[in-house]
Amino acid sequence: FSFCQLIYKADLIKDNNLKFDSKAVYGEDTEFALKALSYGESVAVGEEITYLYIQRNDSATSKSGLKRFNFIETLENLSKFYKSGGQNELADLVITSRIPRAIFGNMNYFFYHGYDFDEVMSKMDDLDLFSKLSKFKGDSKFKFKIRLFLLNPKLYYKMWKKFKNTI
């Protein structure tokens, strides 16, 4: 599934003043789609392929670098949006599941693409991502990975490099 597959009624977008965040370098489609879905009264699913997604090395997403971590702020804004609409359970789910998964996913993306460990850790520290990781609530396997990482990030990194994301 991809948010690129969604088709919206123009009135839904206009009536709710929905816009893509033009400052976002990563994840702007997620915020737009989840807000739109929260306003919609119904959703239809079709089998037809309606788009072609091409990942280019020179795309904005590919060149975003450590700014990919800014997606966490997008998710925090989404949580506030849900909370302001009285959807507290959904707001909490973003904080306790989606944000930690996004942090971990982006961190592993950086490791996979050869980013400097200390640079990644420094950015995570600047954005207070370690404490946000610790808020994870969910499956025990992923929670174990987070705990292992938080206990000793350098050891986790060395293990990750050795086993290439199989831990």
N, C-alpha and C. Protein backbone atom coordinates (compact mmCIF):
# COMPACT_ATOMS: atom_id res chain seq x y z
N PHE A 1 0.83 -1.19 0.00
CA PHE A 1 0.00 0.00 0.00
C PHE A 1 0.88 1.25 0.00
N SER A 2 0.45 2.23 -0.73
CA SER A 2 1.13 3.52 -0.75
C SER A 2 0.09 4.63 -0.76
N PHE A 3 0.42 5.74 -0.12
CA PHE A 3 -0.50 6.87 -0.13
C PHE A 3 -0.63 7.47 -1.52
N CYS A 4 0.29 7.12 -2.41
CA CYS A 4 0.19 7.58 -3.80
C CYS A 4 -1.02 6.99 -4.49
N GLN A 5 -1.56 5.91 -3.96
CA GLN A 5 -2.69 5.23 -4.57
C GLN A 5 -4.03 5.91 -4.30
N LEU A 6 -4.06 6.83 -3.38
CA LEU A 6 -5.32 7.43 -2.97
C LEU A 6 -5.77 8.50 -3.95
N ILE A 7 -7.06 8.54 -4.17
CA ILE A 7 -7.69 9.57 -5.00
C ILE A 7 -8.70 10.27 -4.10
N TYR A 8 -8.71 11.59 -4.13
CA TYR A 8 -9.54 12.37 -3.22
C TYR A 8 -10.58 13.18 -3.99
N LYS A 9 -11.72 13.37 -3.38
CA LYS A 9 -12.70 14.30 -3.93
C LYS A 9 -12.17 15.71 -3.70
N ALA A 10 -12.30 16.54 -4.71
CA ALA A 10 -11.80 17.92 -4.61
C ALA A 10 -12.44 18.67 -3.45
N ASP A 11 -13.73 18.43 -3.21
CA ASP A 11 -14.42 19.12 -2.11
C ASP A 11 -13.82 18.78 -0.76
N LEU A 12 -13.38 17.55 -0.58
CA LEU A 12 -12.76 17.14 0.68
C LEU A 12 -11.51 17.98 0.93
N ILE A 13 -10.74 18.18 -0.10
CA ILE A 13 -9.50 18.96 0.02
C ILE A 13 -9.81 20.44 0.24
N LYS A 14 -10.72 20.98 -0.55
CA LYS A 14 -11.06 22.40 -0.45
C LYS A 14 -11.76 22.72 0.87
N ASP A 15 -12.76 21.93 1.22
CA ASP A 15 -13.55 22.21 2.43
C ASP A 15 -12.72 22.14 3.71
N ASN A 16 -11.68 21.34 3.70
CA ASN A 16 -10.85 21.17 4.90
C ASN A 16 -9.49 21.84 4.78
N ASN A 17 -9.33 22.63 3.72
CA ASN A 17 -8.10 23.39 3.50
C ASN A 17 -6.85 22.51 3.61
N LEU A 18 -6.91 21.34 2.99
CA LEU A 18 -5.79 20.41 3.04
C LEU A 18 -4.73 20.82 2.03
N LYS A 19 -3.48 20.80 2.49
CA LYS A 19 -2.35 21.14 1.63
C LYS A 19 -1.16 20.29 2.01
N PHE A 20 -0.30 20.06 1.04
CA PHE A 20 0.97 19.41 1.33
C PHE A 20 1.87 20.43 2.01
N ASP A 21 2.67 19.97 2.95
CA ASP A 21 3.63 20.85 3.61
C ASP A 21 4.79 21.06 2.64
N SER A 22 4.88 22.25 2.09
CA SER A 22 5.91 22.53 1.07
C SER A 22 7.32 22.56 1.66
N LYS A 23 7.44 22.66 2.98
CA LYS A 23 8.76 22.68 3.61
C LYS A 23 9.28 21.27 3.90
N ALA A 24 8.39 20.30 3.89
CA ALA A 24 8.79 18.93 4.22
C ALA A 24 9.62 18.34 3.08
N VAL A 25 10.65 17.60 3.45
CA VAL A 25 11.48 16.94 2.45
C VAL A 25 11.21 15.44 2.40
N TYR A 26 10.42 14.98 3.36
CA TYR A 26 10.15 13.55 3.45
C TYR A 26 8.88 13.34 4.26
N GLY A 27 7.95 12.56 3.75
CA GLY A 27 6.76 12.19 4.50
C GLY A 27 5.57 13.13 4.36
N GLU A 28 5.67 14.12 3.49
CA GLU A 28 4.55 15.06 3.35
C GLU A 28 3.29 14.37 2.84
N ASP A 29 3.45 13.31 2.06
CA ASP A 29 2.29 12.57 1.57
C ASP A 29 1.57 11.84 2.70
N THR A 30 2.32 11.38 3.68
CA THR A 30 1.73 10.68 4.82
C THR A 30 0.82 11.62 5.61
N GLU A 31 1.33 12.80 5.92
CA GLU A 31 0.54 13.76 6.68
C GLU A 31 -0.73 14.14 5.92
N PHE A 32 -0.58 14.46 4.65
CA PHE A 32 -1.73 14.85 3.82
C PHE A 32 -2.78 13.74 3.79
N ALA A 33 -2.33 12.54 3.50
CA ALA A 33 -3.26 11.41 3.34
C ALA A 33 -3.98 11.08 4.64
N LEU A 34 -3.26 11.06 5.75
CA LEU A 34 -3.90 10.70 7.01
C LEU A 34 -4.88 11.77 7.48
N LYS A 35 -4.57 13.02 7.21
CA LYS A 35 -5.53 14.08 7.53
C LYS A 35 -6.76 13.95 6.63
N ALA A 36 -6.54 13.73 5.36
CA ALA A 36 -7.66 13.58 4.42
C ALA A 36 -8.54 12.40 4.82
N LEU A 37 -7.92 11.30 5.18
CA LEU A 37 -8.69 10.12 5.58
C LEU A 37 -9.51 10.39 6.84
N SER A 38 -9.00 11.22 7.72
CA SER A 38 -9.74 11.51 8.95
C SER A 38 -10.98 12.37 8.68
N TYR A 39 -10.97 13.12 7.59
CA TYR A 39 -12.13 13.94 7.23
C TYR A 39 -13.13 13.19 6.36
N GLY A 40 -12.66 12.17 5.68
CA GLY A 40 -13.53 11.46 4.75
C GLY A 40 -14.60 10.65 5.46
N GLU A 41 -15.73 10.51 4.79
CA GLU A 41 -16.82 9.72 5.35
C GLU A 41 -16.73 8.26 4.92
N SER A 42 -16.07 8.02 3.80
CA SER A 42 -15.94 6.65 3.32
C SER A 42 -14.66 6.54 2.49
N VAL A 43 -14.23 5.30 2.32
CA VAL A 43 -13.04 5.01 1.53
C VAL A 43 -13.38 3.86 0.61
N ALA A 44 -12.99 3.98 -0.63
CA ALA A 44 -13.17 2.90 -1.59
C ALA A 44 -11.80 2.40 -2.01
N VAL A 45 -11.69 1.11 -2.22
CA VAL A 45 -10.42 0.51 -2.62
C VAL A 45 -10.62 -0.16 -3.97
N GLY A 46 -9.71 0.14 -4.88
CA GLY A 46 -9.77 -0.47 -6.20
C GLY A 46 -8.54 -1.32 -6.46
N GLU A 47 -8.63 -2.19 -7.41
CA GLU A 47 -7.52 -3.08 -7.75
C GLU A 47 -6.62 -2.49 -8.85
N GLU A 48 -7.11 -1.49 -9.54
CA GLU A 48 -6.39 -0.93 -10.67
C GLU A 48 -5.14 -0.17 -10.22
N ILE A 49 -4.04 -0.38 -10.92
CA ILE A 49 -2.82 0.37 -10.65
C ILE A 49 -2.98 1.74 -11.30
N THR A 50 -2.87 2.78 -10.48
CA THR A 50 -3.14 4.13 -10.98
C THR A 50 -1.92 5.04 -10.98
N TYR A 51 -0.76 4.49 -10.64
CA TYR A 51 0.43 5.33 -10.62
C TYR A 51 1.66 4.48 -10.88
N LEU A 52 2.74 5.15 -11.23
CA LEU A 52 4.04 4.51 -11.40
C LEU A 52 5.02 5.28 -10.53
N TYR A 53 5.60 4.60 -9.58
CA TYR A 53 6.53 5.24 -8.64
C TYR A 53 7.95 4.94 -9.08
N ILE A 54 8.71 5.99 -9.31
CA ILE A 54 10.11 5.82 -9.71
C ILE A 54 10.98 6.50 -8.67
N GLN A 55 11.91 5.76 -8.12
CA GLN A 55 12.85 6.31 -7.14
C GLN A 55 14.12 6.70 -7.87
N ARG A 56 14.44 7.96 -7.86
CA ARG A 56 15.63 8.46 -8.55
C ARG A 56 16.70 8.85 -7.53
N ASN A 57 17.95 8.66 -7.91
CA ASN A 57 19.06 9.02 -7.02
C ASN A 57 19.16 10.52 -6.80
N ASP A 58 18.63 11.32 -7.73
CA ASP A 58 18.73 12.77 -7.61
C ASP A 58 17.42 13.41 -7.15
N SER A 59 16.49 12.61 -6.64
CA SER A 59 15.21 13.16 -6.18
C SER A 59 15.38 13.89 -4.85
N ALA A 60 14.39 14.71 -4.51
CA ALA A 60 14.43 15.43 -3.24
C ALA A 60 14.49 14.46 -2.06
N THR A 61 13.76 13.37 -2.15
CA THR A 61 13.76 12.37 -1.08
C THR A 61 15.14 11.73 -0.95
N SER A 62 15.74 11.39 -2.07
CA SER A 62 17.07 10.76 -2.03
C SER A 62 18.14 11.70 -1.53
N LYS A 63 17.96 12.99 -1.77
CA LYS A 63 18.97 13.98 -1.36
C LYS A 63 18.67 14.59 0.01
N SER A 64 17.64 14.13 0.67
CA SER A 64 17.22 14.77 1.92
C SER A 64 18.20 14.57 3.06
N GLY A 65 19.02 13.53 3.00
CA GLY A 65 20.02 13.29 4.04
C GLY A 65 19.40 13.17 5.42
N LEU A 66 20.08 13.72 6.40
CA LEU A 66 19.61 13.61 7.79
C LEU A 66 18.31 14.38 8.02
N LYS A 67 17.89 15.18 7.05
CA LYS A 67 16.60 15.87 7.16
C LYS A 67 15.44 14.87 7.14
N ARG A 68 15.72 13.63 6.77
CA ARG A 68 14.67 12.60 6.83
C ARG A 68 14.12 12.49 8.25
N PHE A 69 14.96 12.79 9.24
CA PHE A 69 14.49 12.76 10.62
C PHE A 69 13.44 13.84 10.90
N ASN A 70 13.33 14.85 10.05
CA ASN A 70 12.31 15.87 10.23
C ASN A 70 10.90 15.30 10.09
N PHE A 71 10.81 14.10 9.52
CA PHE A 71 9.53 13.41 9.42
C PHE A 71 8.92 13.19 10.81
N ILE A 72 9.76 13.11 11.81
CA ILE A 72 9.27 12.92 13.18
C ILE A 72 8.43 14.12 13.59
N GLU A 73 8.88 15.31 13.23
CA GLU A 73 8.10 16.52 13.53
C GLU A 73 6.76 16.49 12.80
N THR A 74 6.77 16.01 11.57
CA THR A 74 5.53 15.86 10.81
C THR A 74 4.57 14.94 11.55
N LEU A 75 5.09 13.83 12.06
CA LEU A 75 4.24 12.90 12.81
C LEU A 75 3.76 13.51 14.12
N GLU A 76 4.60 14.28 14.78
CA GLU A 76 4.17 14.96 16.01
C GLU A 76 3.03 15.94 15.71
N ASN A 77 3.14 16.65 14.60
CA ASN A 77 2.07 17.56 14.19
C ASN A 77 0.79 16.79 13.89
N LEU A 78 0.94 15.63 13.29
CA LEU A 78 -0.22 14.79 13.01
C LEU A 78 -0.88 14.33 14.31
N SER A 79 -0.07 13.98 15.30
CA SER A 79 -0.60 13.59 16.60
C SER A 79 -1.38 14.74 17.23
N LYS A 80 -0.85 15.95 17.14
CA LYS A 80 -1.55 17.13 17.67
C LYS A 80 -2.86 17.36 16.93
N PHE A 81 -2.83 17.15 15.62
CA PHE A 81 -4.04 17.28 14.80
C PHE A 81 -5.11 16.31 15.29
N TYR A 82 -4.72 15.05 15.49
CA TYR A 82 -5.68 14.06 15.98
C TYR A 82 -6.21 14.43 17.36
N LYS A 83 -5.31 14.87 18.22
CA LYS A 83 -5.71 15.23 19.59
C LYS A 83 -6.69 16.41 19.56
N SER A 84 -6.44 17.39 18.71
CA SER A 84 -7.33 18.56 18.63
C SER A 84 -8.71 18.17 18.11
N GLY A 85 -8.78 17.07 17.40
CA GLY A 85 -10.07 16.57 16.90
C GLY A 85 -10.70 15.55 17.83
N GLY A 86 -10.13 15.39 19.02
CA GLY A 86 -10.70 14.46 19.99
C GLY A 86 -10.34 13.00 19.74
N GLN A 87 -9.41 12.76 18.84
CA GLN A 87 -9.00 11.39 18.53
C GLN A 87 -7.75 11.04 19.34
N ASN A 88 -7.90 11.02 20.66
CA ASN A 88 -6.77 10.85 21.56
C ASN A 88 -6.08 9.50 21.40
N GLU A 89 -6.85 8.46 21.18
CA GLU A 89 -6.26 7.13 21.02
C GLU A 89 -5.35 7.08 19.79
N LEU A 90 -5.81 7.68 18.72
CA LEU A 90 -5.01 7.74 17.50
C LEU A 90 -3.77 8.62 17.70
N ALA A 91 -3.94 9.73 18.40
CA ALA A 91 -2.81 10.62 18.69
C ALA A 91 -1.75 9.88 19.49
N ASP A 92 -2.18 9.11 20.48
CA ASP A 92 -1.23 8.35 21.30
C ASP A 92 -0.55 7.25 20.50
N LEU A 93 -1.27 6.64 19.59
CA LEU A 93 -0.70 5.59 18.74
C LEU A 93 0.43 6.14 17.87
N VAL A 94 0.26 7.35 17.38
CA VAL A 94 1.32 7.98 16.59
C VAL A 94 2.57 8.15 17.45
N ILE A 95 2.39 8.61 18.69
CA ILE A 95 3.52 8.86 19.60
C ILE A 95 4.19 7.56 20.04
N THR A 96 3.39 6.55 20.35
CA THR A 96 3.95 5.33 20.96
C THR A 96 4.30 4.23 19.96
N SER A 97 3.90 4.39 18.71
CA SER A 97 4.23 3.35 17.73
C SER A 97 4.85 3.92 16.45
N ARG A 98 4.12 4.82 15.81
CA ARG A 98 4.58 5.29 14.49
C ARG A 98 5.88 6.09 14.58
N ILE A 99 5.99 6.96 15.58
CA ILE A 99 7.21 7.77 15.70
C ILE A 99 8.43 6.90 16.00
N PRO A 100 8.37 6.02 17.00
CA PRO A 100 9.55 5.16 17.21
C PRO A 100 9.92 4.32 15.98
N ARG A 101 8.92 3.81 15.27
CA ARG A 101 9.22 3.03 14.07
C ARG A 101 9.86 3.90 12.98
N ALA A 102 9.41 5.13 12.86
CA ALA A 102 9.99 6.04 11.87
C ALA A 102 11.43 6.40 12.23
N ILE A 103 11.67 6.62 13.51
CA ILE A 103 13.04 6.93 13.96
C ILE A 103 13.95 5.76 13.62
N PHE A 104 13.53 4.58 14.02
CA PHE A 104 14.35 3.39 13.82
C PHE A 104 14.54 3.10 12.33
N GLY A 105 13.48 3.23 11.57
CA GLY A 105 13.57 2.99 10.13
C GLY A 105 14.53 3.95 9.44
N ASN A 106 14.44 5.22 9.79
CA ASN A 106 15.34 6.20 9.19
C ASN A 106 16.78 5.99 9.65
N MET A 107 16.95 5.67 10.92
CA MET A 107 18.30 5.40 11.44
C MET A 107 18.93 4.23 10.67
N ASN A 108 18.19 3.17 10.49
CA ASN A 108 18.72 2.02 9.75
C ASN A 108 18.96 2.36 8.28
N TYR A 109 18.13 3.23 7.73
CA TYR A 109 18.35 3.72 6.36
C TYR A 109 19.71 4.40 6.28
N PHE A 110 20.02 5.23 7.25
CA PHE A 110 21.31 5.93 7.26
C PHE A 110 22.46 4.95 7.40
N PHE A 111 22.30 3.97 8.28
CA PHE A 111 23.35 2.95 8.43
C PHE A 111 23.57 2.21 7.11
N TYR A 112 22.48 1.82 6.49
CA TYR A 112 22.55 1.06 5.23
C TYR A 112 23.25 1.87 4.14
N HIS A 113 23.03 3.17 4.13
CA HIS A 113 23.61 4.02 3.10
C HIS A 113 24.96 4.63 3.51
N GLY A 114 25.55 4.10 4.56
CA GLY A 114 26.92 4.46 4.91
C GLY A 114 27.12 5.80 5.59
N TYR A 115 26.08 6.35 6.18
CA TYR A 115 26.23 7.61 6.91
C TYR A 115 27.13 7.39 8.13
N ASP A 116 27.82 8.42 8.53
CA ASP A 116 28.70 8.37 9.68
C ASP A 116 27.87 8.15 10.95
N PHE A 117 28.24 7.14 11.73
CA PHE A 117 27.52 6.80 12.95
C PHE A 117 27.40 8.00 13.89
N ASP A 118 28.52 8.66 14.15
CA ASP A 118 28.51 9.78 15.10
C ASP A 118 27.64 10.93 14.62
N GLU A 119 27.61 11.15 13.32
CA GLU A 119 26.77 12.21 12.76
C GLU A 119 25.29 11.87 12.95
N VAL A 120 24.94 10.62 12.71
CA VAL A 120 23.55 10.19 12.90
C VAL A 120 23.15 10.31 14.37
N MET A 121 24.04 9.86 15.26
CA MET A 121 23.74 9.92 16.70
C MET A 121 23.62 11.37 17.18
N SER A 122 24.46 12.23 16.65
CA SER A 122 24.41 13.65 17.03
C SER A 122 23.08 14.27 16.60
N LYS A 123 22.65 13.96 15.39
CA LYS A 123 21.37 14.49 14.90
C LYS A 123 20.22 13.94 15.75
N MET A 124 20.29 12.66 16.08
CA MET A 124 19.24 12.06 16.92
C MET A 124 19.22 12.72 18.29
N ASP A 125 20.38 13.02 18.82
CA ASP A 125 20.46 13.70 20.12
C ASP A 125 19.89 15.11 20.02
N ASP A 126 20.25 15.83 18.97
CA ASP A 126 19.74 17.20 18.77
C ASP A 126 18.22 17.24 18.72
N LEU A 127 17.63 16.21 18.13
CA LEU A 127 16.17 16.17 17.97
C LEU A 127 15.46 15.41 19.09
N ASP A 128 16.21 15.02 20.12
CA ASP A 128 15.66 14.30 21.27
C ASP A 128 14.97 12.99 20.85
N LEU A 129 15.56 12.31 19.88
CA LEU A 129 14.93 11.10 19.35
C LEU A 129 15.13 9.88 20.25
N PHE A 130 16.14 9.91 21.10
CA PHE A 130 16.35 8.78 22.01
C PHE A 130 15.18 8.65 22.98
N SER A 131 14.74 9.76 23.54
CA SER A 131 13.61 9.70 24.48
C SER A 131 12.32 9.33 23.75
N LYS A 132 12.20 9.74 22.50
CA LYS A 132 11.00 9.41 21.72
C LYS A 132 10.98 7.92 21.37
N LEU A 133 12.15 7.34 21.16
CA LEU A 133 12.24 5.90 20.92
C LEU A 133 11.76 5.12 22.15
N SER A 134 12.11 5.62 23.31
CA SER A 134 11.78 4.90 24.55
C SER A 134 10.28 4.87 24.84
N LYS A 135 9.49 5.64 24.11
CA LYS A 135 8.03 5.66 24.33
C LYS A 135 7.31 4.54 23.59
N PHE A 136 8.06 3.70 22.87
CA PHE A 136 7.43 2.65 22.06
C PHE A 136 6.61 1.70 22.92
N LYS A 137 5.41 1.42 22.43
CA LYS A 137 4.54 0.40 23.02
C LYS A 137 4.10 -0.49 21.87
N GLY A 138 4.37 -1.75 21.98
CA GLY A 138 3.98 -2.64 20.90
C GLY A 138 4.67 -3.98 21.02
N ASP A 139 4.91 -4.59 19.87
CA ASP A 139 5.42 -5.96 19.86
C ASP A 139 6.78 -6.07 20.54
N SER A 140 6.97 -7.19 21.19
CA SER A 140 8.16 -7.38 22.03
C SER A 140 9.45 -7.48 21.22
N LYS A 141 9.40 -8.00 20.00
CA LYS A 141 10.61 -8.12 19.19
C LYS A 141 11.17 -6.74 18.85
N PHE A 142 10.30 -5.84 18.42
CA PHE A 142 10.76 -4.49 18.09
C PHE A 142 11.18 -3.75 19.35
N LYS A 143 10.45 -3.96 20.43
CA LYS A 143 10.80 -3.32 21.70
C LYS A 143 12.20 -3.77 22.15
N PHE A 144 12.52 -5.04 21.92
CA PHE A 144 13.84 -5.56 22.26
C PHE A 144 14.92 -4.85 21.45
N LYS A 145 14.68 -4.65 20.15
CA LYS A 145 15.65 -3.95 19.31
C LYS A 145 15.89 -2.53 19.82
N ILE A 146 14.81 -1.86 20.18
CA ILE A 146 14.93 -0.50 20.70
C ILE A 146 15.73 -0.49 22.00
N ARG A 147 15.41 -1.42 22.89
CA ARG A 147 16.13 -1.48 24.17
C ARG A 147 17.61 -1.76 23.96
N LEU A 148 17.91 -2.69 23.06
CA LEU A 148 19.30 -3.00 22.75
C LEU A 148 20.02 -1.76 22.23
N PHE A 149 19.37 -1.06 21.33
CA PHE A 149 19.95 0.16 20.78
C PHE A 149 20.16 1.21 21.87
N LEU A 150 19.14 1.46 22.68
CA LEU A 150 19.24 2.50 23.71
C LEU A 150 20.27 2.15 24.78
N LEU A 151 20.44 0.87 25.04
CA LEU A 151 21.43 0.43 26.01
C LEU A 151 22.85 0.74 25.55
N ASN A 152 23.11 0.49 24.25
CA ASN A 152 24.45 0.72 23.72
C ASN A 152 24.36 0.95 22.21
N PRO A 153 24.14 2.19 21.79
CA PRO A 153 23.98 2.47 20.36
C PRO A 153 25.15 2.00 19.50
N LYS A 154 26.36 2.15 19.99
CA LYS A 154 27.54 1.75 19.21
C LYS A 154 27.58 0.24 19.01
N LEU A 155 27.25 -0.51 20.05
CA LEU A 155 27.21 -1.97 19.94
C LEU A 155 26.12 -2.40 18.97
N TYR A 156 24.96 -1.77 19.07
CA TYR A 156 23.88 -2.07 18.13
C TYR A 156 24.35 -1.83 16.70
N TYR A 157 25.00 -0.71 16.48
CA TYR A 157 25.50 -0.35 15.14
C TYR A 157 26.48 -1.40 14.63
N LYS A 158 27.40 -1.83 15.48
CA LYS A 158 28.37 -2.84 15.07
C LYS A 158 27.67 -4.16 14.73
N MET A 159 26.69 -4.52 15.53
CA MET A 159 25.93 -5.75 15.24
C MET A 159 25.15 -5.58 13.95
N TRP A 160 24.56 -4.41 13.75
CA TRP A 160 23.79 -4.16 12.54
C TRP A 160 24.69 -4.30 11.31
N LYS A 161 25.87 -3.73 11.38
CA LYS A 161 26.80 -3.81 10.25
C LYS A 161 27.20 -5.26 9.97
N LYS A 162 27.43 -6.01 11.02
CA LYS A 162 27.86 -7.40 10.85
C LYS A 162 26.74 -8.27 10.27
N PHE A 163 25.53 -8.06 10.75
CA PHE A 163 24.42 -8.92 10.34
C PHE A 163 23.47 -8.26 9.35
N LYS A 164 23.78 -7.05 8.92
CA LYS A 164 23.00 -6.31 7.91
C LYS A 164 21.49 -6.36 8.15
N ASN A 165 21.11 -5.78 9.26
CA ASN A 165 19.70 -5.57 9.59
C ASN A 165 18.92 -6.87 9.81
N THR A 166 19.59 -7.94 10.16
CA THR A 166 18.85 -9.16 10.49
C THR A 166 18.62 -9.27 11.99
N ILE A 167 19.19 -8.35 12.76
CA ILE A 167 18.96 -8.39 14.21
C ILE A 167 17.65 -7.72 14.54
